Amino acid sequence: MDIKMPGMTGLELQRKLADEGTPLPVVMISGHADVRIAVETMTLGALTLLEKPFRLDELLGHVRRALEKDRDNRTAREFEAESTARLAQLTVKEREVLEMIAAGKTNRKMAETLGLSVRAVEDRRARLMKKVNVRSVAELVRMLT
């Protein structure tokens, strides 16, 4: 977007998008940018501020980068939503085991804490891993972050 657009400036539109929680990567362009505008643009989350005149290939490179960033952001949001939905399926007892796994506790320590046999903890752990569809503790912990 351009800093000086008719009706609404690029900064106003960028601020409105940010206020609405619309996470779009922005490539700002201007023939009239100063340091204050550049700082505000970047503070609001723009990827870059290109000064006019610029080369078309330069603009296209920044637009490609913005599209890649948007794709990565969407993928991360989808992963987070999917993880939240899967974790919501856990029972209270499975969630207890999950919290202890995340804290790095061994099966034996979990068994002592919960007053269960190691085998019962292993069963609970296997059920929760299957329920959230992960194959390793690393995948499980990644879902939590």
N, C-alpha and C. Protein backbone atom coordinates (compact mmCIF):
# COMPACT_ATOMS: atom_id res chain seq x y z
N MET A 1 0.83 -1.17 0.00
CA MET A 1 0.00 0.00 0.00
C MET A 1 0.88 1.25 0.00
N ASP A 2 0.29 2.33 -0.42
CA ASP A 2 1.02 3.59 -0.53
C ASP A 2 0.71 4.45 0.69
N ILE A 3 1.72 5.17 1.15
CA ILE A 3 1.52 6.08 2.28
C ILE A 3 0.42 7.09 1.96
N LYS A 4 0.42 7.63 0.75
CA LYS A 4 -0.54 8.68 0.39
C LYS A 4 -1.59 8.13 -0.58
N MET A 5 -2.56 7.39 -0.04
CA MET A 5 -3.67 6.89 -0.85
C MET A 5 -4.84 7.85 -0.69
N PRO A 6 -5.70 7.92 -1.69
CA PRO A 6 -6.87 8.80 -1.56
C PRO A 6 -7.87 8.22 -0.56
N GLY A 7 -8.46 9.09 0.26
CA GLY A 7 -9.48 8.66 1.21
C GLY A 7 -8.91 8.21 2.55
N MET A 8 -7.89 7.36 2.51
CA MET A 8 -7.29 6.84 3.74
C MET A 8 -5.81 6.63 3.45
N THR A 9 -4.96 7.10 4.31
CA THR A 9 -3.53 6.90 4.07
C THR A 9 -3.16 5.44 4.31
N GLY A 10 -2.03 5.06 3.79
CA GLY A 10 -1.54 3.71 4.00
C GLY A 10 -1.33 3.42 5.48
N LEU A 11 -0.84 4.40 6.22
CA LEU A 11 -0.65 4.23 7.66
C LEU A 11 -1.98 4.05 8.38
N GLU A 12 -3.01 4.80 7.98
CA GLU A 12 -4.33 4.64 8.59
C GLU A 12 -4.89 3.24 8.33
N LEU A 13 -4.74 2.78 7.09
CA LEU A 13 -5.22 1.44 6.76
C LEU A 13 -4.43 0.37 7.51
N GLN A 14 -3.13 0.55 7.58
CA GLN A 14 -2.30 -0.41 8.31
C GLN A 14 -2.68 -0.44 9.78
N ARG A 15 -2.91 0.72 10.39
CA ARG A 15 -3.32 0.81 11.79
C ARG A 15 -4.68 0.14 11.98
N LYS A 16 -5.60 0.37 11.07
CA LYS A 16 -6.95 -0.23 11.14
C LYS A 16 -6.85 -1.75 11.07
N LEU A 17 -6.05 -2.26 10.16
CA LEU A 17 -5.86 -3.71 10.04
C LEU A 17 -5.27 -4.28 11.33
N ALA A 18 -4.29 -3.60 11.88
CA ALA A 18 -3.65 -4.06 13.12
C ALA A 18 -4.65 -4.03 14.28
N ASP A 19 -5.46 -2.97 14.37
CA ASP A 19 -6.45 -2.85 15.44
C ASP A 19 -7.52 -3.94 15.35
N GLU A 20 -7.85 -4.34 14.13
CA GLU A 20 -8.86 -5.38 13.91
C GLU A 20 -8.28 -6.78 14.04
N GLY A 21 -6.97 -6.86 14.24
CA GLY A 21 -6.33 -8.17 14.38
C GLY A 21 -6.20 -8.91 13.05
N THR A 22 -6.13 -8.17 11.97
CA THR A 22 -5.95 -8.76 10.65
C THR A 22 -4.45 -8.81 10.36
N PRO A 23 -3.86 -9.98 10.53
CA PRO A 23 -2.40 -10.08 10.42
C PRO A 23 -1.91 -10.20 8.97
N LEU A 24 -2.01 -9.14 8.22
CA LEU A 24 -1.51 -9.17 6.84
C LEU A 24 -0.13 -8.53 6.77
N PRO A 25 0.81 -9.21 6.13
CA PRO A 25 2.12 -8.58 5.93
C PRO A 25 1.98 -7.44 4.91
N VAL A 26 2.57 -6.31 5.23
CA VAL A 26 2.41 -5.11 4.42
C VAL A 26 3.75 -4.70 3.82
N VAL A 27 3.69 -4.37 2.53
CA VAL A 27 4.81 -3.72 1.86
C VAL A 27 4.34 -2.30 1.60
N MET A 28 4.92 -1.34 2.30
CA MET A 28 4.52 0.06 2.18
C MET A 28 5.42 0.74 1.16
N ILE A 29 4.82 1.61 0.35
CA ILE A 29 5.60 2.39 -0.61
C ILE A 29 5.31 3.87 -0.41
N SER A 30 6.30 4.70 -0.73
CA SER A 30 6.10 6.13 -0.57
C SER A 30 7.15 6.91 -1.35
N GLY A 31 6.71 8.03 -1.83
CA GLY A 31 7.64 8.99 -2.41
C GLY A 31 7.91 10.11 -1.45
N HIS A 32 7.29 10.05 -0.26
CA HIS A 32 7.37 11.15 0.71
C HIS A 32 7.68 10.66 2.12
N ALA A 33 8.39 9.57 2.24
CA ALA A 33 8.65 9.01 3.57
C ALA A 33 9.74 9.77 4.29
N ASP A 34 9.55 9.90 5.58
CA ASP A 34 10.60 10.44 6.44
C ASP A 34 10.85 9.41 7.54
N VAL A 35 11.75 9.70 8.44
CA VAL A 35 12.12 8.75 9.48
C VAL A 35 10.92 8.42 10.36
N ARG A 36 10.12 9.42 10.74
CA ARG A 36 8.95 9.19 11.59
C ARG A 36 7.98 8.21 10.93
N ILE A 37 7.70 8.42 9.66
CA ILE A 37 6.78 7.53 8.94
C ILE A 37 7.37 6.13 8.82
N ALA A 38 8.66 6.05 8.53
CA ALA A 38 9.31 4.74 8.41
C ALA A 38 9.22 3.98 9.74
N VAL A 39 9.49 4.67 10.84
CA VAL A 39 9.43 4.02 12.15
C VAL A 39 8.00 3.57 12.45
N GLU A 40 7.02 4.42 12.20
CA GLU A 40 5.62 4.07 12.47
C GLU A 40 5.18 2.89 11.62
N THR A 41 5.54 2.90 10.35
CA THR A 41 5.20 1.81 9.45
C THR A 41 5.76 0.49 9.94
N MET A 42 7.02 0.49 10.32
CA MET A 42 7.66 -0.74 10.79
C MET A 42 7.10 -1.16 12.15
N THR A 43 6.79 -0.19 13.01
CA THR A 43 6.21 -0.50 14.32
C THR A 43 4.86 -1.19 14.16
N LEU A 44 4.10 -0.78 13.15
CA LEU A 44 2.79 -1.38 12.89
C LEU A 44 2.91 -2.74 12.20
N GLY A 45 4.15 -3.14 11.87
CA GLY A 45 4.35 -4.49 11.35
C GLY A 45 4.64 -4.61 9.87
N ALA A 46 4.89 -3.50 9.19
CA ALA A 46 5.22 -3.60 7.77
C ALA A 46 6.52 -4.36 7.59
N LEU A 47 6.60 -5.12 6.50
CA LEU A 47 7.83 -5.85 6.22
C LEU A 47 8.92 -4.91 5.73
N THR A 48 8.50 -3.91 4.99
CA THR A 48 9.47 -2.96 4.46
C THR A 48 8.77 -1.68 4.03
N LEU A 49 9.55 -0.65 3.82
CA LEU A 49 9.07 0.61 3.26
C LEU A 49 9.94 0.91 2.06
N LEU A 50 9.35 0.84 0.88
CA LEU A 50 10.09 1.13 -0.35
C LEU A 50 9.88 2.58 -0.74
N GLU A 51 10.99 3.24 -1.07
CA GLU A 51 10.89 4.62 -1.52
C GLU A 51 10.77 4.67 -3.04
N LYS A 52 9.86 5.50 -3.51
CA LYS A 52 9.71 5.71 -4.95
C LYS A 52 10.85 6.60 -5.42
N PRO A 53 11.34 6.42 -6.57
CA PRO A 53 11.03 5.34 -7.50
C PRO A 53 11.76 4.05 -7.09
N PHE A 54 11.17 2.92 -7.40
CA PHE A 54 11.79 1.63 -7.12
C PHE A 54 11.67 0.76 -8.37
N ARG A 55 12.48 -0.27 -8.42
CA ARG A 55 12.44 -1.18 -9.56
C ARG A 55 11.32 -2.19 -9.35
N LEU A 56 10.67 -2.60 -10.41
CA LEU A 56 9.58 -3.55 -10.34
C LEU A 56 10.04 -4.87 -9.72
N ASP A 57 11.23 -5.33 -10.10
CA ASP A 57 11.72 -6.59 -9.54
C ASP A 57 11.96 -6.48 -8.03
N GLU A 58 12.32 -5.29 -7.58
CA GLU A 58 12.50 -5.07 -6.14
C GLU A 58 11.15 -5.18 -5.42
N LEU A 59 10.12 -4.55 -5.98
CA LEU A 59 8.78 -4.63 -5.40
C LEU A 59 8.29 -6.07 -5.42
N LEU A 60 8.45 -6.77 -6.52
CA LEU A 60 8.00 -8.15 -6.63
C LEU A 60 8.69 -9.06 -5.61
N GLY A 61 9.96 -8.82 -5.37
CA GLY A 61 10.69 -9.59 -4.36
C GLY A 61 10.09 -9.41 -2.98
N HIS A 62 9.75 -8.18 -2.64
CA HIS A 62 9.14 -7.90 -1.33
C HIS A 62 7.73 -8.48 -1.24
N VAL A 63 6.98 -8.42 -2.34
CA VAL A 63 5.62 -8.99 -2.35
C VAL A 63 5.70 -10.51 -2.18
N ARG A 64 6.66 -11.15 -2.86
CA ARG A 64 6.84 -12.61 -2.69
C ARG A 64 7.14 -12.95 -1.23
N ARG A 65 8.04 -12.16 -0.63
CA ARG A 65 8.38 -12.39 0.77
C ARG A 65 7.15 -12.21 1.67
N ALA A 66 6.31 -11.21 1.36
CA ALA A 66 5.09 -10.98 2.14
C ALA A 66 4.12 -12.16 1.98
N LEU A 67 4.00 -12.68 0.78
CA LEU A 67 3.12 -13.83 0.56
C LEU A 67 3.64 -15.07 1.29
N GLU A 68 4.94 -15.27 1.30
CA GLU A 68 5.53 -16.39 2.05
C GLU A 68 5.27 -16.23 3.54
N LYS A 69 5.44 -15.03 4.04
CA LYS A 69 5.21 -14.76 5.47
C LYS A 69 3.74 -15.01 5.81
N ASP A 70 2.83 -14.57 4.94
CA ASP A 70 1.41 -14.78 5.17
C ASP A 70 1.09 -16.27 5.18
N ARG A 71 1.68 -17.04 4.25
CA ARG A 71 1.46 -18.49 4.21
C ARG A 71 1.96 -19.13 5.50
N ASP A 72 3.15 -18.74 5.95
CA ASP A 72 3.71 -19.29 7.18
C ASP A 72 2.83 -18.94 8.39
N ASN A 73 2.34 -17.70 8.43
CA ASN A 73 1.46 -17.28 9.53
C ASN A 73 0.17 -18.08 9.55
N ARG A 74 -0.41 -18.30 8.37
CA ARG A 74 -1.65 -19.07 8.28
C ARG A 74 -1.41 -20.51 8.73
N THR A 75 -0.31 -21.09 8.30
CA THR A 75 0.02 -22.46 8.69
C THR A 75 0.17 -22.56 10.21
N ALA A 76 0.85 -21.59 10.80
CA ALA A 76 1.04 -21.58 12.26
C ALA A 76 -0.30 -21.44 12.98
N ARG A 77 -1.18 -20.57 12.49
CA ARG A 77 -2.50 -20.40 13.12
C ARG A 77 -3.34 -21.67 12.99
N GLU A 78 -3.26 -22.33 11.84
CA GLU A 78 -4.00 -23.58 11.65
C GLU A 78 -3.47 -24.66 12.59
N PHE A 79 -2.14 -24.75 12.72
CA PHE A 79 -1.54 -25.73 13.62
C PHE A 79 -1.99 -25.47 15.05
N GLU A 80 -2.00 -24.22 15.45
CA GLU A 80 -2.40 -23.86 16.81
C GLU A 80 -3.86 -24.21 17.06
N ALA A 81 -4.74 -23.92 16.10
CA ALA A 81 -6.16 -24.24 16.25
C ALA A 81 -6.38 -25.75 16.31
N GLU A 82 -5.68 -26.47 15.46
CA GLU A 82 -5.79 -27.92 15.45
C GLU A 82 -5.27 -28.51 16.76
N SER A 83 -4.15 -28.01 17.25
CA SER A 83 -3.59 -28.48 18.51
C SER A 83 -4.54 -28.22 19.66
N THR A 84 -5.12 -27.04 19.71
CA THR A 84 -6.06 -26.69 20.76
C THR A 84 -7.26 -27.63 20.75
N ALA A 85 -7.77 -27.92 19.55
CA ALA A 85 -8.93 -28.82 19.43
C ALA A 85 -8.58 -30.23 19.90
N ARG A 86 -7.40 -30.71 19.52
CA ARG A 86 -7.00 -32.06 19.93
C ARG A 86 -6.79 -32.14 21.43
N LEU A 87 -6.14 -31.12 22.01
CA LEU A 87 -5.87 -31.13 23.44
C LEU A 87 -7.16 -31.01 24.25
N ALA A 88 -8.18 -30.38 23.69
CA ALA A 88 -9.45 -30.23 24.39
C ALA A 88 -10.16 -31.57 24.58
N GLN A 89 -9.78 -32.57 23.81
CA GLN A 89 -10.40 -33.90 23.90
C GLN A 89 -9.88 -34.71 25.10
N LEU A 90 -8.81 -34.26 25.71
CA LEU A 90 -8.22 -35.02 26.80
C LEU A 90 -9.08 -34.99 28.05
N THR A 91 -9.08 -36.10 28.77
CA THR A 91 -9.76 -36.15 30.06
C THR A 91 -8.91 -35.43 31.10
N VAL A 92 -9.47 -35.20 32.25
CA VAL A 92 -8.73 -34.54 33.34
C VAL A 92 -7.51 -35.38 33.71
N LYS A 93 -7.67 -36.69 33.79
CA LYS A 93 -6.55 -37.56 34.16
C LYS A 93 -5.46 -37.58 33.09
N GLU A 94 -5.86 -37.56 31.83
CA GLU A 94 -4.87 -37.50 30.75
C GLU A 94 -4.14 -36.16 30.77
N ARG A 95 -4.87 -35.11 31.09
CA ARG A 95 -4.25 -33.78 31.16
C ARG A 95 -3.23 -33.72 32.29
N GLU A 96 -3.50 -34.38 33.41
CA GLU A 96 -2.52 -34.46 34.51
C GLU A 96 -1.22 -35.09 34.02
N VAL A 97 -1.36 -36.18 33.30
CA VAL A 97 -0.18 -36.87 32.77
C VAL A 97 0.53 -35.97 31.75
N LEU A 98 -0.24 -35.29 30.91
CA LEU A 98 0.34 -34.38 29.93
C LEU A 98 1.18 -33.30 30.61
N GLU A 99 0.65 -32.70 31.66
CA GLU A 99 1.39 -31.65 32.38
C GLU A 99 2.69 -32.19 32.97
N MET A 100 2.63 -33.42 33.46
CA MET A 100 3.85 -34.01 34.03
C MET A 100 4.86 -34.37 32.94
N ILE A 101 4.38 -34.82 31.79
CA ILE A 101 5.28 -35.08 30.66
C ILE A 101 5.97 -33.78 30.27
N ALA A 102 5.18 -32.71 30.15
CA ALA A 102 5.74 -31.41 29.77
C ALA A 102 6.75 -30.91 30.79
N ALA A 103 6.55 -31.29 32.06
CA ALA A 103 7.48 -30.89 33.12
C ALA A 103 8.72 -31.78 33.15
N GLY A 104 8.74 -32.83 32.29
CA GLY A 104 9.92 -33.69 32.20
C GLY A 104 9.95 -34.82 33.21
N LYS A 105 8.82 -35.13 33.82
CA LYS A 105 8.80 -36.20 34.83
C LYS A 105 8.83 -37.57 34.16
N THR A 106 9.47 -38.50 34.81
CA THR A 106 9.53 -39.88 34.32
C THR A 106 8.22 -40.58 34.64
N ASN A 107 7.99 -41.71 33.98
CA ASN A 107 6.79 -42.51 34.26
C ASN A 107 6.75 -42.92 35.73
N ARG A 108 7.91 -43.30 36.26
CA ARG A 108 7.98 -43.73 37.66
C ARG A 108 7.58 -42.57 38.59
N LYS A 109 8.10 -41.36 38.32
CA LYS A 109 7.78 -40.20 39.16
C LYS A 109 6.29 -39.85 39.04
N MET A 110 5.74 -39.95 37.81
CA MET A 110 4.31 -39.69 37.63
C MET A 110 3.48 -40.70 38.43
N ALA A 111 3.89 -41.95 38.37
CA ALA A 111 3.17 -43.00 39.09
C ALA A 111 3.16 -42.71 40.59
N GLU A 112 4.32 -42.32 41.13
CA GLU A 112 4.40 -41.99 42.56
C GLU A 112 3.49 -40.81 42.90
N THR A 113 3.54 -39.79 42.09
CA THR A 113 2.75 -38.58 42.34
C THR A 113 1.25 -38.86 42.27
N LEU A 114 0.84 -39.66 41.28
CA LEU A 114 -0.58 -39.93 41.07
C LEU A 114 -1.10 -41.12 41.86
N GLY A 115 -0.20 -41.86 42.50
CA GLY A 115 -0.61 -43.03 43.26
C GLY A 115 -1.07 -44.18 42.35
N LEU A 116 -0.39 -44.29 41.22
CA LEU A 116 -0.72 -45.32 40.23
C LEU A 116 0.47 -46.23 40.01
N SER A 117 0.24 -47.33 39.31
CA SER A 117 1.36 -48.17 38.89
C SER A 117 2.01 -47.53 37.66
N VAL A 118 3.26 -47.89 37.43
CA VAL A 118 3.95 -47.39 36.24
C VAL A 118 3.19 -47.83 35.00
N ARG A 119 2.67 -49.03 35.00
CA ARG A 119 1.91 -49.55 33.85
C ARG A 119 0.67 -48.69 33.59
N ALA A 120 -0.03 -48.26 34.64
CA ALA A 120 -1.22 -47.42 34.48
C ALA A 120 -0.84 -46.07 33.87
N VAL A 121 0.30 -45.52 34.28
CA VAL A 121 0.78 -44.26 33.72
C VAL A 121 1.14 -44.46 32.25
N GLU A 122 1.82 -45.56 31.94
CA GLU A 122 2.17 -45.85 30.55
C GLU A 122 0.92 -45.96 29.68
N ASP A 123 -0.12 -46.61 30.20
CA ASP A 123 -1.38 -46.74 29.45
C ASP A 123 -2.02 -45.38 29.22
N ARG A 124 -2.07 -44.56 30.27
CA ARG A 124 -2.65 -43.21 30.14
C ARG A 124 -1.86 -42.38 29.14
N ARG A 125 -0.57 -42.50 29.25
CA ARG A 125 0.32 -41.75 28.35
C ARG A 125 0.10 -42.19 26.90
N ALA A 126 -0.01 -43.49 26.66
CA ALA A 126 -0.23 -44.00 25.31
C ALA A 126 -1.59 -43.53 24.77
N ARG A 127 -2.62 -43.55 25.62
CA ARG A 127 -3.95 -43.09 25.19
C ARG A 127 -3.92 -41.61 24.80
N LEU A 128 -3.26 -40.81 25.61
CA LEU A 128 -3.25 -39.37 25.28
C LEU A 128 -2.42 -39.10 24.03
N MET A 129 -1.35 -39.82 23.83
CA MET A 129 -0.53 -39.64 22.63
C MET A 129 -1.36 -40.01 21.39
N LYS A 130 -2.12 -41.09 21.49
CA LYS A 130 -2.95 -41.53 20.38
C LYS A 130 -4.08 -40.53 20.14
N LYS A 131 -4.69 -40.05 21.22
CA LYS A 131 -5.82 -39.13 21.11
C LYS A 131 -5.42 -37.82 20.43
N VAL A 132 -4.22 -37.32 20.75
CA VAL A 132 -3.79 -36.06 20.15
C VAL A 132 -2.97 -36.28 18.88
N ASN A 133 -2.82 -37.58 18.51
CA ASN A 133 -2.20 -37.95 17.24
C ASN A 133 -0.74 -37.47 17.11
N VAL A 134 0.06 -37.81 18.11
CA VAL A 134 1.49 -37.53 18.05
C VAL A 134 2.26 -38.81 18.28
N ARG A 135 3.48 -38.85 17.77
CA ARG A 135 4.30 -40.05 17.93
C ARG A 135 5.45 -39.88 18.90
N SER A 136 5.71 -38.65 19.31
CA SER A 136 6.85 -38.44 20.21
C SER A 136 6.52 -37.35 21.23
N VAL A 137 7.30 -37.35 22.28
CA VAL A 137 7.14 -36.32 23.31
C VAL A 137 7.47 -34.94 22.72
N ALA A 138 8.44 -34.90 21.82
CA ALA A 138 8.80 -33.61 21.19
C ALA A 138 7.59 -33.03 20.44
N GLU A 139 6.87 -33.86 19.69
CA GLU A 139 5.67 -33.39 18.99
C GLU A 139 4.62 -32.90 19.99
N LEU A 140 4.47 -33.66 21.07
CA LEU A 140 3.50 -33.32 22.09
C LEU A 140 3.81 -31.96 22.72
N VAL A 141 5.06 -31.76 23.09
CA VAL A 141 5.47 -30.50 23.70
C VAL A 141 5.32 -29.35 22.70
N ARG A 142 5.59 -29.60 21.43
CA ARG A 142 5.43 -28.56 20.40
C ARG A 142 3.98 -28.09 20.35
N MET A 143 3.05 -29.01 20.55
CA MET A 143 1.63 -28.63 20.55
C MET A 143 1.31 -27.68 21.70
N LEU A 144 2.05 -27.80 22.77
CA LEU A 144 1.77 -26.99 23.96
C LEU A 144 2.35 -25.60 23.87
N THR A 145 3.28 -25.38 22.96
CA THR A 145 3.92 -24.05 22.87
C THR A 145 3.33 -23.21 21.78
